[in-house]
Structure formats: structure tokens, C-alpha cells
Amino acid sequence: MLRYFYNSNYPVFSISALAVSVFVTASTVNAGHLNNVEQWEEYATINLGMYPQYEFQYSTDMNNRHVVVGMNSDYYKYSYNHAKTFQVYNGSSASDKYVAASYKDVAIDTNTNRVVIGGVSNEDYGYKQAKIFHTSGYNPKMDLTPQPTTGKYFGYGIAVDGEHVVVGSAQHDDSIGKLFVYNVNSDDVILELKKDNFIPKDGFGLDVALSGNIAMARGKYLTGDGSVSNNYKYYFFDVTTGEQITTFVPEDKPEGDWYDSTFAISGNVAIIGDANVNSNGTISGAAYLYDIANDSLITKLTPDDLQAEDQFGISVDIHGRYAIVGSRGSDIDGVENAGAAYVFDTSSGEQLAKLTMSEPEEYANFGTEVSVSGLAAFAIAPGAKVSDSQGSSDYRYGQGYLFSAVPEASTLTLCVLGLVPLISRNRKKQ
């Protein structure tokens, strides 16, 4: 669901800011007048602080208040691995580092400040954990531990929404895999979710998504002749009952196409990205919008300028009306592999915007990770160059980019006029 907020204890704008900050206006008012947003603008950049020249695995998630970014490297796992939150409205740091050991995934709740980090190494006992944090503090509020504690891949996929946390564990039950459902206020397992066919070592639980009461995961499946498929099926579960609701397989996914597949869920709509689909040339990529309630494909997404090796679909996210798809191999104005991200309408599949770096850089790979929440979007360019303390910009430290949807002038006027009484009401509560 789309939710917009104004917290009197967390001021994000002033009257004078209305004239200069369209994003702040849009992010704090009800979106009833913002129905035809076509223009998105970059308004803040974040120095991710990675160590240059070494490959990091990224994970990111966001809500209307915070972006959480995780950086993980097996090479630098004791000195540079960390997850950190940033404020959505200006990109400034909102927390210290949460973790300084190996981990795999991060997630943040849609409407609260809970952050969950999964696949955290417990060096003393040799197993993985998931940890629940608050955006304002370094110390974990709760540890989630697999039972029995044999899950090497426990927490490699995690998700949180409302009262539920879903933790994937691909190595449980002789590597068949399962999903553990927790309540955010307890470390007790509520439910264990399994798919309807038990195929060992198929990656079930390595990635998960959650929206409301619906959890999503992926795994291989048995074909009509009883053999194991070499691509993924997507499984949907009710986290209150444990029921497997439905499954989905994109019909045009080539056999053996399983590696660069990503997914997300919002309400009854799921998005699946696949960078290896040959939609318009080799590994040009595609994404799919799927209606869970009606068990039907809404549409296949491809941008209007898709080219070979764009890797469109390498990352995806969805929230309410908006879906965002990363395309890290896209060439921008002749700049090779600068990268892009595309925003789509989830009900129609219409392409609404193309997001790029304001100054595209060769091999920046913008769009490697993407997130969207409300009228804000976030994209990571791991290859972006950042000046060091000596002013040199030769090293690829990586950057994060925040974008906002910009309403048309007429709708902006309505927003500003409608916002004045809202400001007055909220200030009385201070």
C-alpha cells in the first residue's frame, strides 16, 4: 500500500522549502492529486563508502523514511562489510554501521523503522542468524536463530512487513529449503513454509519477498516428464495459514535461465526481473508483472529503447502504483555500461520514466540494485567514481542516487494549497 507521512517529531520540510523542494512536498501529502506523474528527478547522492577496486555484493530496501543499503564482500568481510540507513528526504546518514561481519540481505519495514539483516555469521557457533535492528541504533533488538542451527544459508533471503518477518533457509531439510515465519516481537517461529515439490539444492529460500500476508520465494520444479527444470518457478504463500496460494512461471523464460532472476511483491502484484531473457538481443532482459489473486500475467515489461546486453531486470522493486527495474548494462548517450533504471505503472505496464545518473560514467552500472517507495526511488551504481580525500576520482567507490516523482505544475499547486492546513494541524501536536 502507498502511505505518506508527516511526523511532527521528524520534520522534513518548512514553509520556505515548498518553493524549492518538490520531493518534500510530494512525499508528505496524500497522493490523491498525483495521478499522472511522468517526470522523476535526481535530488540526492549517497557515497556508499565501499573499498575501491574490490567487488561487493549489494542489497537495498527502502520505505518512505529510510533507505537501507548493505555491502558485503568475502574478501573484506571483517573490515568493510556493513549495512547502513540513510534518510530518504535528503540522503544524509541516519545510522551507524549495523554489522561488521559477513551477511547477505537487508530489508526494512514499510511503515516502521525496523531493519532486518539476514545471513549474519555467528563466528562463535558456526551458523547464520538474522538480526532485527532499529534505524536509530547500532545494537540489534533481537536475534533470529534457525532450529536446528544447521542452516548455512539461513537469512540469505529475508523480508519484513508489519508484524511478520520471513527468513529463507535453503539448506534446511537436506537442502530442500524452507521459509521461517516470525513475529517481529518474538524469536519464536510461527510457521514453516515449504513448496509442494521437494527438490534438493534448488535454491528455495535464497531469496524471499513479503507484502502483507503474502510471501514469495523461488525454486526449481518438476516438468511434465518428471525431470527437474533448469529455471525457476515462483511460489506464493499465506504467512498466516501456511497455505501455498499459487505458483507462476513466465512462459518465455529460456530453459537454463535461472541465475540473474530477481523479484518483489506489493499487495497482490508481483514483479519478476530476468536479465538473461533475449527480448531484443542477447541478455537484453525483461520483467514480468503478475496478478497473484487472479493467477495471471498482467504484462511483460521491456523499455522502449532496450538493446542487447542491457541486462534489464537485473534488479526490481514494486510499491503500489510504481515498479522499478534496473538495467545496469545500458549505454547512455554513448557512455558504455553507464546503466539505467525504468519506472512503470503496475496496472498498465506503461513506461513512466527512465532514470540515469546526471553525469553518466563508463562502467558505473547504475541500476545494479533499485528500490521504490511512494514517490521516491533509489538506485545503486557500484562503479561510480567518487573523489577521495586528496581530490582524486580515479577509484570506483560506488554511489547511491535518490529520485523523486515530480507532479505537473497544476497538481503541484493543488498539493501546496492542500498542505497548509495539514502543516497547521500537525504543528499543534508538537
Foldseek 3Di string as FASTA:
>chain_A
DADAAAALVDHLDDLVCLVPDLQVLQRHDDCPLFDAFQDKDFQEKEQPQADFPDDWDWEWEDASFKIKIWTADPVQQQPGTFIFIAGQSYRHGQEDTQDSGGFAYKEAEHPFQKIKTWQGAPVVVGAIWIFIPGNNYRDTPDIAADVVRPQNLWGLAWYDYDQWIKIKGQPPPPRQIWIFIDGPVDNDTPDIAHDPDRDHPFCWRNHWEDEDQKIKTKGWDADPVRDIFLAIKMWIAGNVPNDTQDIDDPPQDDTNQHDLWEKYDYDQKIKIWGQQRQPPAGSLTKMWIAGNVVRGTQDIADDPPTHHQQSWRSEWEDYPQKIKIWRQQDADPNAGSLTWMWIAGRNRNHTRDIGGPPDGHHQQSWRNYKYDYRFKIKIKRQQAFDQDPVRDRPTRSIMMIMMGGRGDPVSSVVSSVVCVVVVVVSNVVD
